[in-house]
Amino acid sequence: MQLKSLWKKNPNITVETQFGAWDGWEDAMSTAFYAGTAPDVNQINWNWITSFSSDGKMFLDMNTVKDTFDLSQYDKSALEQCTVANKLQAVPVAMSGRIFYWNKTVFEKAGISTPKSLAELYAAGETFKTKLGDEYYPLALGEYDRMILMVYYLESVYGKAWVVDGKLNYSQEEIEKGLEFIKSLEDKHVTPSIKTILGDGAASLDKNPKWIEGKYAGIFEWDSSAGKFKDSLTEGQEFVVGDYFEDFGKNHGGFSKVSLAFAITNTTKYPTECAMLLQYLLNDPEGAKIMGSERGIPLSKSAFKACEDAGILNETVKEANGKVLSWVSFPLDPQFENSKLKGNPDGVYYDVMSGISYGEYSISDGAKVLIDGINGVLKG
């Protein structure tokens, strides 16, 4: 992070950065938070507020440093998502949601357009298989991708949020319908099996040779992740933002969430200085241009204007983010991203989605395991 300008403006502040891979980071930070050894300023996932500070004791209430950090740059609705126990425990950097992205070049190679409906996606599966070969698929979905896509599908069909007031809002029968939909994507050669994807030997889809070469021609990903998928493609392939499918159901399914936030630990000896750092990174035009849209399209009004005026916003991310926020209409429960559910490879989502893909679970059994796992987390 380029912080020389911050130091010049505030020579009394020294910033020491700490780096680490995201895999395993939550467990490492959990230990640090409870041991009282966490950094003064932390990049956190939105649900960490609920996981680590449901009582408001772990993170500083940003309202106490509002004379230093300009909260007026943020819409009230965004700040509310980081308010737990009546305390604003973090600053949201950006909002994010999942949307389809397509490798347009591969679809053109197959002689078809990128899909704008589920019917077209199903048809693309057969076209890819017959015209391009068995190794070509219009969409690649890992276990967690499947879970999020299933919820988007079910919310589109039934028009209700996944969790309401801390309780799962879907029945066994309804969840079975969602799992049948996910299975149909494998059955119709839309997406490869989990066994096939794991056999590719890549740590993530953006590093998968089949994505890079165009054998996997679509993803369902966070709008803020567009850059790394686009950049990983071999030269000459066109990466485009897709659309939501209206034939999923009569409702606008899917959700948006705070993609990333910054929180100050309550144990810090320097709350004002921490707030000054965040003010520089998130609201100051100079700092905002350093951040750019690497963490999504900035929520801060001043940051957005600075980046827009400088022409440095990633246009693909900006297009995707606009489509997400104009479409999705359901809230995300903080426990949806609980590590017991989304943890790889032992989380409930991974167990169920891989179990169905491998044929180890029937649809009925998979639904029951999913329901039991979610209810266990929701009940604490």
Protein backbone atom coordinates (compact mmCIF):
# COMPACT_ATOMS: atom_id res chain seq x y z
CA MET A 1 0.00 0.00 0.00
CA GLN A 2 1.38 3.42 -0.97
CA LEU A 3 1.24 5.41 2.27
CA LYS A 4 4.05 7.93 1.76
CA SER A 5 1.58 10.75 1.20
CA LEU A 6 -0.25 9.87 4.40
CA TRP A 7 3.05 10.00 6.28
CA LYS A 8 3.93 13.38 4.75
CA LYS A 9 0.58 14.79 5.86
CA ASN A 10 0.79 13.12 9.28
CA PRO A 11 4.46 12.50 10.17
CA ASN A 12 3.49 11.36 13.67
CA ILE A 13 1.77 8.26 12.27
CA THR A 14 3.66 5.08 11.39
CA VAL A 15 1.81 2.33 9.55
CA GLU A 16 3.07 -1.24 9.65
CA THR A 17 1.26 -3.54 7.24
CA GLN A 18 0.56 -7.24 7.70
CA PHE A 19 0.02 -9.56 4.75
CA GLY A 20 -1.49 -13.04 4.47
CA ALA A 21 -3.41 -15.35 2.17
CA TRP A 22 -7.21 -15.23 2.57
CA ASP A 23 -7.39 -19.00 3.06
CA GLY A 24 -7.17 -19.61 6.78
CA TRP A 25 -7.14 -15.89 7.52
CA GLU A 26 -10.38 -15.94 9.48
CA ASP A 27 -9.07 -18.61 11.86
CA ALA A 28 -5.81 -16.71 12.33
CA MET A 29 -7.63 -13.45 13.01
CA SER A 30 -10.07 -15.13 15.37
CA THR A 31 -7.15 -16.20 17.52
CA ALA A 32 -5.65 -12.71 17.39
CA PHE A 33 -8.93 -10.98 18.26
CA TYR A 34 -9.55 -13.11 21.33
CA ALA A 35 -5.92 -13.00 22.42
CA GLY A 36 -5.90 -9.20 22.17
CA THR A 37 -3.04 -9.23 19.65
CA ALA A 38 -4.96 -8.12 16.54
CA PRO A 39 -3.72 -5.08 14.58
CA ASP A 40 -5.22 -1.67 15.32
CA VAL A 41 -6.91 -1.53 11.90
CA ASN A 42 -8.27 -4.68 10.28
CA GLN A 43 -9.61 -5.60 6.87
CA ILE A 44 -12.59 -7.79 7.73
CA ASN A 45 -15.33 -9.74 6.08
CA TRP A 46 -18.74 -8.26 6.86
CA ASN A 47 -19.99 -11.23 8.90
CA TRP A 48 -17.02 -11.04 11.25
CA ILE A 49 -18.81 -8.29 13.12
CA THR A 50 -21.53 -10.73 14.15
CA SER A 51 -19.11 -13.64 14.59
CA PHE A 52 -16.58 -11.84 16.79
CA SER A 53 -18.40 -8.83 18.21
CA SER A 54 -22.10 -9.50 18.56
CA ASP A 55 -21.90 -7.76 21.94
CA GLY A 56 -20.02 -4.77 20.52
CA LYS A 57 -16.88 -5.34 22.58
CA MET A 58 -14.34 -6.33 19.92
CA PHE A 59 -14.45 -3.38 17.51
CA LEU A 60 -14.48 0.36 18.08
CA ASP A 61 -17.75 2.22 17.54
CA MET A 62 -16.88 4.47 14.57
CA ASN A 63 -19.36 7.03 15.85
CA THR A 64 -16.83 7.83 18.58
CA VAL A 65 -14.32 9.06 15.96
CA LYS A 66 -16.78 10.76 13.60
CA ASP A 67 -14.95 14.07 14.02
CA THR A 68 -11.95 12.42 12.35
CA PHE A 69 -13.61 9.97 9.98
CA ASP A 70 -16.28 11.52 7.76
CA LEU A 71 -19.32 9.24 8.02
CA SER A 72 -21.44 11.64 5.96
CA GLN A 73 -19.82 10.20 2.82
CA TYR A 74 -21.83 6.99 3.27
CA ASP A 75 -25.51 6.23 2.82
CA LYS A 76 -27.29 5.32 6.02
CA SER A 77 -28.37 1.94 4.61
CA ALA A 78 -24.73 0.91 4.05
CA LEU A 79 -23.70 1.93 7.55
CA GLU A 80 -26.63 0.02 9.03
CA GLN A 81 -25.20 -3.22 7.65
CA CYS A 82 -22.13 -2.69 9.84
CA THR A 83 -24.12 -1.70 12.92
CA VAL A 84 -24.40 -4.45 15.53
CA ALA A 85 -25.27 -4.02 19.22
CA ASN A 86 -26.18 -0.41 18.39
CA LYS A 87 -22.56 0.33 17.47
CA LEU A 88 -21.10 1.12 14.04
CA GLN A 89 -18.33 -1.44 14.28
CA ALA A 90 -16.80 -1.10 10.81
CA VAL A 91 -16.73 1.05 7.71
CA PRO A 92 -18.09 -0.63 4.57
CA VAL A 93 -15.81 -0.19 1.56
CA ALA A 94 -18.12 -1.45 -1.20
CA MET A 95 -21.27 -3.46 -1.86
CA SER A 96 -21.04 -6.64 -3.87
CA GLY A 97 -23.21 -9.39 -5.30
CA ARG A 98 -22.93 -12.37 -7.61
CA ILE A 99 -23.57 -12.14 -11.33
CA PHE A 100 -22.79 -14.13 -14.47
CA TYR A 101 -19.69 -13.44 -16.54
CA TRP A 102 -19.11 -15.00 -19.96
CA ASN A 103 -16.21 -15.66 -22.27
CA LYS A 104 -17.98 -14.31 -25.36
CA THR A 105 -15.30 -15.63 -27.70
CA VAL A 106 -16.03 -19.25 -26.79
CA PHE A 107 -19.78 -18.82 -27.26
CA GLU A 108 -19.12 -17.33 -30.68
CA LYS A 109 -16.90 -20.31 -31.44
CA ALA A 110 -19.88 -22.52 -30.62
CA GLY A 111 -22.05 -20.41 -32.92
CA ILE A 112 -24.35 -19.04 -30.21
CA SER A 113 -24.81 -15.87 -28.17
CA THR A 114 -24.08 -15.61 -24.46
CA PRO A 115 -27.17 -16.82 -22.54
CA LYS A 116 -29.76 -14.39 -21.30
CA SER A 117 -32.10 -16.98 -19.82
CA LEU A 118 -32.02 -20.39 -18.15
CA ALA A 119 -33.51 -21.93 -21.29
CA GLU A 120 -30.63 -20.55 -23.35
CA LEU A 121 -28.12 -21.76 -20.76
CA TYR A 122 -29.52 -25.30 -20.89
CA ALA A 123 -29.36 -25.20 -24.70
CA ALA A 124 -25.77 -23.95 -24.54
CA GLY A 125 -24.77 -27.04 -22.57
CA GLU A 126 -25.81 -29.35 -25.41
CA THR A 127 -24.31 -27.05 -28.06
CA PHE A 128 -20.95 -26.93 -26.28
CA LYS A 129 -20.88 -30.71 -25.98
CA THR A 130 -21.77 -31.43 -29.61
CA LYS A 131 -19.88 -28.59 -31.32
CA LEU A 132 -16.85 -28.06 -29.10
CA GLY A 133 -16.43 -31.34 -27.24
CA ASP A 134 -16.97 -32.98 -23.88
CA GLU A 135 -14.36 -30.82 -22.11
CA TYR A 136 -16.18 -27.58 -22.94
CA TYR A 137 -18.83 -26.20 -20.58
CA PRO A 138 -20.72 -22.88 -20.68
CA LEU A 139 -20.49 -22.45 -16.88
CA ALA A 140 -18.14 -23.63 -14.13
CA LEU A 141 -19.44 -23.75 -10.57
CA GLY A 142 -17.57 -24.74 -7.43
CA GLU A 143 -19.38 -25.85 -4.29
CA TYR A 144 -19.90 -22.39 -2.78
CA ASP A 145 -20.86 -20.96 -6.17
CA ARG A 146 -23.59 -23.61 -6.37
CA MET A 147 -24.92 -22.69 -2.95
CA ILE A 148 -25.21 -19.00 -3.78
CA LEU A 149 -26.74 -19.72 -7.19
CA MET A 150 -29.27 -22.07 -5.60
CA VAL A 151 -30.37 -19.38 -3.14
CA TYR A 152 -30.67 -16.88 -5.99
CA TYR A 153 -32.80 -19.38 -7.90
CA LEU A 154 -35.06 -20.19 -4.93
CA GLU A 155 -35.57 -16.54 -4.03
CA SER A 156 -36.56 -15.93 -7.65
CA VAL A 157 -39.07 -18.77 -7.53
CA TYR A 158 -40.59 -18.24 -4.08
CA GLY A 159 -40.01 -14.53 -3.47
CA LYS A 160 -38.76 -14.78 0.09
CA ALA A 161 -35.45 -14.32 1.86
CA TRP A 162 -33.30 -17.34 2.71
CA VAL A 163 -33.25 -16.60 6.44
CA VAL A 164 -35.70 -14.40 8.36
CA ASP A 165 -35.32 -13.44 12.04
CA GLY A 166 -32.59 -16.00 12.53
CA LYS A 167 -34.62 -18.89 11.10
CA LEU A 168 -34.29 -20.76 7.82
CA ASN A 169 -37.22 -19.63 5.67
CA TYR A 170 -37.37 -22.60 3.29
CA SER A 171 -38.89 -26.05 3.69
CA GLN A 172 -37.34 -29.43 2.90
CA GLU A 173 -39.45 -29.63 -0.26
CA GLU A 174 -38.42 -26.18 -1.44
CA ILE A 175 -34.72 -26.84 -0.83
CA GLU A 176 -35.02 -30.13 -2.71
CA LYS A 177 -36.29 -28.12 -5.67
CA GLY A 178 -33.19 -25.94 -5.44
CA LEU A 179 -30.83 -28.91 -5.28
CA GLU A 180 -32.61 -30.51 -8.23
CA PHE A 181 -31.95 -27.31 -10.18
CA ILE A 182 -28.23 -27.45 -9.35
CA LYS A 183 -28.08 -31.13 -10.32
CA SER A 184 -29.82 -30.34 -13.62
CA LEU A 185 -26.90 -28.10 -14.56
CA GLU A 186 -24.58 -31.09 -14.40
CA ASP A 187 -27.07 -33.40 -16.09
CA LYS A 188 -27.46 -31.01 -19.04
CA HIS A 189 -23.70 -30.48 -19.49
CA VAL A 190 -23.96 -26.88 -18.35
CA THR A 191 -21.34 -27.24 -15.59
CA PRO A 192 -18.68 -29.87 -14.94
CA SER A 193 -18.94 -32.14 -11.92
CA ILE A 194 -17.10 -31.30 -8.73
CA LYS A 195 -14.86 -34.31 -9.41
CA THR A 196 -13.91 -32.83 -12.78
CA ILE A 197 -13.18 -29.39 -11.34
CA LEU A 198 -11.08 -30.79 -8.47
CA GLY A 199 -9.28 -32.99 -10.98
CA ASP A 200 -8.14 -29.87 -12.80
CA GLY A 201 -5.79 -29.31 -9.88
CA ALA A 202 -6.29 -25.56 -9.54
CA ALA A 203 -6.69 -23.72 -6.23
CA SER A 204 -9.41 -21.48 -7.69
CA LEU A 205 -11.31 -21.07 -10.96
CA ASP A 206 -9.36 -18.02 -12.07
CA LYS A 207 -6.20 -20.17 -11.92
CA ASN A 208 -7.83 -23.16 -13.64
CA PRO A 209 -6.24 -23.85 -17.06
CA LYS A 210 -9.66 -24.72 -18.48
CA TRP A 211 -10.96 -21.27 -17.59
CA ILE A 212 -7.78 -19.61 -18.82
CA GLU A 213 -7.94 -21.45 -22.16
CA GLY A 214 -11.71 -21.07 -22.61
CA LYS A 215 -12.92 -24.62 -22.02
CA TYR A 216 -14.98 -23.24 -19.14
CA ALA A 217 -16.79 -20.26 -20.64
CA GLY A 218 -18.76 -18.80 -17.75
CA ILE A 219 -18.71 -18.12 -14.02
CA PHE A 220 -21.12 -16.87 -11.36
CA GLU A 221 -18.95 -14.57 -9.28
CA TRP A 222 -18.79 -11.45 -7.12
CA ASP A 223 -18.88 -8.27 -9.19
CA SER A 224 -15.70 -7.12 -7.44
CA SER A 225 -13.84 -10.23 -8.67
CA ALA A 226 -14.21 -9.44 -12.37
CA GLY A 227 -10.69 -8.15 -12.80
CA LYS A 228 -8.82 -11.30 -11.81
CA PHE A 229 -10.98 -13.53 -14.02
CA LYS A 230 -10.70 -11.22 -17.00
CA ASP A 231 -6.97 -10.79 -16.61
CA SER A 232 -6.34 -14.52 -16.36
CA LEU A 233 -7.76 -15.28 -19.83
CA THR A 234 -5.33 -15.91 -22.67
CA GLU A 235 -5.00 -13.12 -25.20
CA GLY A 236 -7.80 -12.65 -27.71
CA GLN A 237 -10.71 -13.77 -25.51
CA GLU A 238 -13.50 -11.33 -24.76
CA PHE A 239 -14.84 -11.24 -21.20
CA VAL A 240 -18.34 -9.77 -20.74
CA VAL A 241 -20.80 -9.15 -17.92
CA GLY A 242 -23.95 -11.25 -18.14
CA ASP A 243 -27.55 -10.61 -17.12
CA TYR A 244 -29.86 -12.03 -14.50
CA PHE A 245 -32.28 -14.67 -15.79
CA GLU A 246 -35.91 -13.59 -15.70
CA ASP A 247 -37.12 -17.15 -16.33
CA PHE A 248 -35.76 -18.31 -12.96
CA GLY A 249 -38.98 -16.99 -11.48
CA LYS A 250 -41.18 -13.93 -11.21
CA ASN A 251 -39.09 -12.38 -8.41
CA HIS A 252 -35.72 -10.64 -8.43
CA GLY A 253 -33.70 -13.19 -6.51
CA GLY A 254 -30.19 -12.77 -5.17
CA PHE A 255 -28.59 -10.55 -2.57
CA SER A 256 -25.91 -7.94 -2.15
CA LYS A 257 -23.59 -7.59 0.80
CA VAL A 258 -20.77 -5.47 2.13
CA SER A 259 -17.89 -6.92 0.17
CA LEU A 260 -15.23 -5.77 2.59
CA ALA A 261 -14.97 -3.50 5.60
CA PHE A 262 -12.35 -1.93 7.83
CA ALA A 263 -12.66 -2.17 11.61
CA ILE A 264 -10.61 -0.70 14.44
CA THR A 265 -10.01 -2.99 17.42
CA ASN A 266 -11.27 -1.77 20.77
CA THR A 267 -7.86 -2.53 22.26
CA THR A 268 -6.08 0.13 20.21
CA LYS A 269 -4.24 2.88 22.02
CA TYR A 270 -4.59 5.14 19.00
CA PRO A 271 -8.25 5.40 17.95
CA THR A 272 -7.87 8.88 16.44
CA GLU A 273 -4.79 7.92 14.44
CA CYS A 274 -6.55 4.77 13.18
CA ALA A 275 -9.49 6.87 12.08
CA MET A 276 -7.08 9.22 10.29
CA LEU A 277 -5.64 6.27 8.35
CA LEU A 278 -9.10 5.13 7.28
CA GLN A 279 -10.09 8.68 6.41
CA TYR A 280 -7.08 8.86 4.09
CA LEU A 281 -7.67 5.45 2.45
CA LEU A 282 -11.44 5.68 2.04
CA ASN A 283 -12.44 9.34 1.84
CA ASP A 284 -9.38 11.38 0.88
CA PRO A 285 -9.19 11.73 -2.94
CA GLU A 286 -5.51 10.83 -2.91
CA GLY A 287 -5.97 7.68 -0.86
CA ALA A 288 -9.14 6.75 -2.71
CA LYS A 289 -7.26 6.74 -6.01
CA ILE A 290 -4.72 4.35 -4.51
CA MET A 291 -7.53 2.00 -3.49
CA GLY A 292 -9.35 2.48 -6.81
CA SER A 293 -11.88 -0.32 -7.38
CA GLU A 294 -9.60 -3.13 -6.20
CA ARG A 295 -12.06 -3.77 -3.38
CA GLY A 296 -15.16 -2.97 -5.43
CA ILE A 297 -16.83 0.27 -6.47
CA PRO A 298 -16.32 2.61 -3.48
CA LEU A 299 -19.33 3.50 -1.35
CA SER A 300 -17.73 6.73 -0.17
CA LYS A 301 -19.16 9.57 -2.26
CA SER A 302 -15.87 11.48 -2.28
CA ALA A 303 -13.90 8.35 -3.19
CA PHE A 304 -16.25 7.46 -6.01
CA LYS A 305 -16.03 10.99 -7.45
CA ALA A 306 -12.24 11.04 -7.20
CA CYS A 307 -11.92 7.68 -8.94
CA GLU A 308 -14.55 8.54 -11.54
CA ASP A 309 -12.90 11.87 -12.35
CA ALA A 310 -9.53 10.14 -12.66
CA GLY A 311 -10.99 7.47 -14.93
CA ILE A 312 -9.54 4.66 -12.85
CA LEU A 313 -12.65 2.65 -11.99
CA ASN A 314 -12.61 -0.80 -13.54
CA GLU A 315 -15.35 -0.50 -16.15
CA THR A 316 -16.23 -4.19 -16.03
CA VAL A 317 -16.60 -4.11 -12.25
CA LYS A 318 -18.58 -0.88 -12.51
CA GLU A 319 -20.98 -2.39 -15.07
CA ALA A 320 -21.42 -5.56 -13.02
CA ASN A 321 -21.94 -3.67 -9.77
CA GLY A 322 -24.60 -1.50 -11.40
CA LYS A 323 -26.49 -4.55 -12.64
CA VAL A 324 -26.25 -6.26 -9.25
CA LEU A 325 -27.52 -3.32 -7.21
CA SER A 326 -30.36 -2.60 -9.63
CA TRP A 327 -31.57 -6.22 -9.59
CA VAL A 328 -31.10 -8.03 -6.27
CA SER A 329 -33.78 -7.45 -3.68
CA PHE A 330 -33.14 -9.75 -0.71
CA PRO A 331 -31.02 -9.32 2.44
CA LEU A 332 -28.11 -11.58 3.34
CA ASP A 333 -28.15 -13.18 6.76
CA PRO A 334 -24.80 -12.61 8.57
CA GLN A 335 -24.57 -16.33 9.33
CA PHE A 336 -24.74 -17.28 5.65
CA GLU A 337 -20.96 -16.95 5.50
CA ASN A 338 -20.29 -18.67 8.81
CA SER A 339 -17.12 -20.76 8.48
CA LYS A 340 -19.02 -23.88 9.62
CA LEU A 341 -21.15 -23.50 6.50
CA LYS A 342 -18.85 -22.05 3.84
CA GLY A 343 -15.51 -23.34 5.10
CA ASN A 344 -13.58 -25.29 2.49
CA PRO A 345 -13.48 -28.30 2.52
CA ASP A 346 -15.35 -29.13 5.74
CA GLY A 347 -18.26 -26.69 5.64
CA VAL A 348 -21.85 -27.85 5.23
CA TYR A 349 -22.21 -26.21 1.80
CA TYR A 350 -19.17 -28.09 0.49
CA ASP A 351 -20.33 -31.37 2.02
CA VAL A 352 -23.78 -31.17 0.46
CA MET A 353 -22.85 -29.84 -2.98
CA SER A 354 -19.96 -32.25 -3.46
CA GLY A 355 -21.98 -35.11 -1.97
CA ILE A 356 -24.77 -34.65 -4.50
CA SER A 357 -22.31 -34.20 -7.36
CA TYR A 358 -20.47 -37.41 -6.42
CA GLY A 359 -23.75 -39.28 -5.94
CA GLU A 360 -23.10 -39.81 -2.23
CA TYR A 361 -26.29 -37.98 -1.23
CA SER A 362 -29.73 -38.23 -2.70
CA ILE A 363 -31.49 -34.92 -3.23
CA SER A 364 -33.64 -35.62 -0.16
CA ASP A 365 -30.68 -36.56 2.04
CA GLY A 366 -28.67 -33.59 0.82
CA ALA A 367 -31.51 -31.23 1.66
CA LYS A 368 -31.78 -32.68 5.15
CA VAL A 369 -28.03 -32.36 5.80
CA LEU A 370 -28.14 -28.78 4.57
CA ILE A 371 -31.15 -27.89 6.74
CA ASP A 372 -29.66 -29.51 9.84
CA GLY A 373 -26.32 -27.79 9.32
CA ILE A 374 -27.84 -24.35 8.79
CA ASN A 375 -30.20 -24.71 11.74
CA GLY A 376 -27.30 -25.76 13.94
CA VAL A 377 -25.41 -22.57 13.09
CA LEU A 378 -28.47 -20.33 13.42
CA LYS A 379 -29.23 -21.74 16.85
CA GLY A 380 -25.65 -21.16 17.92
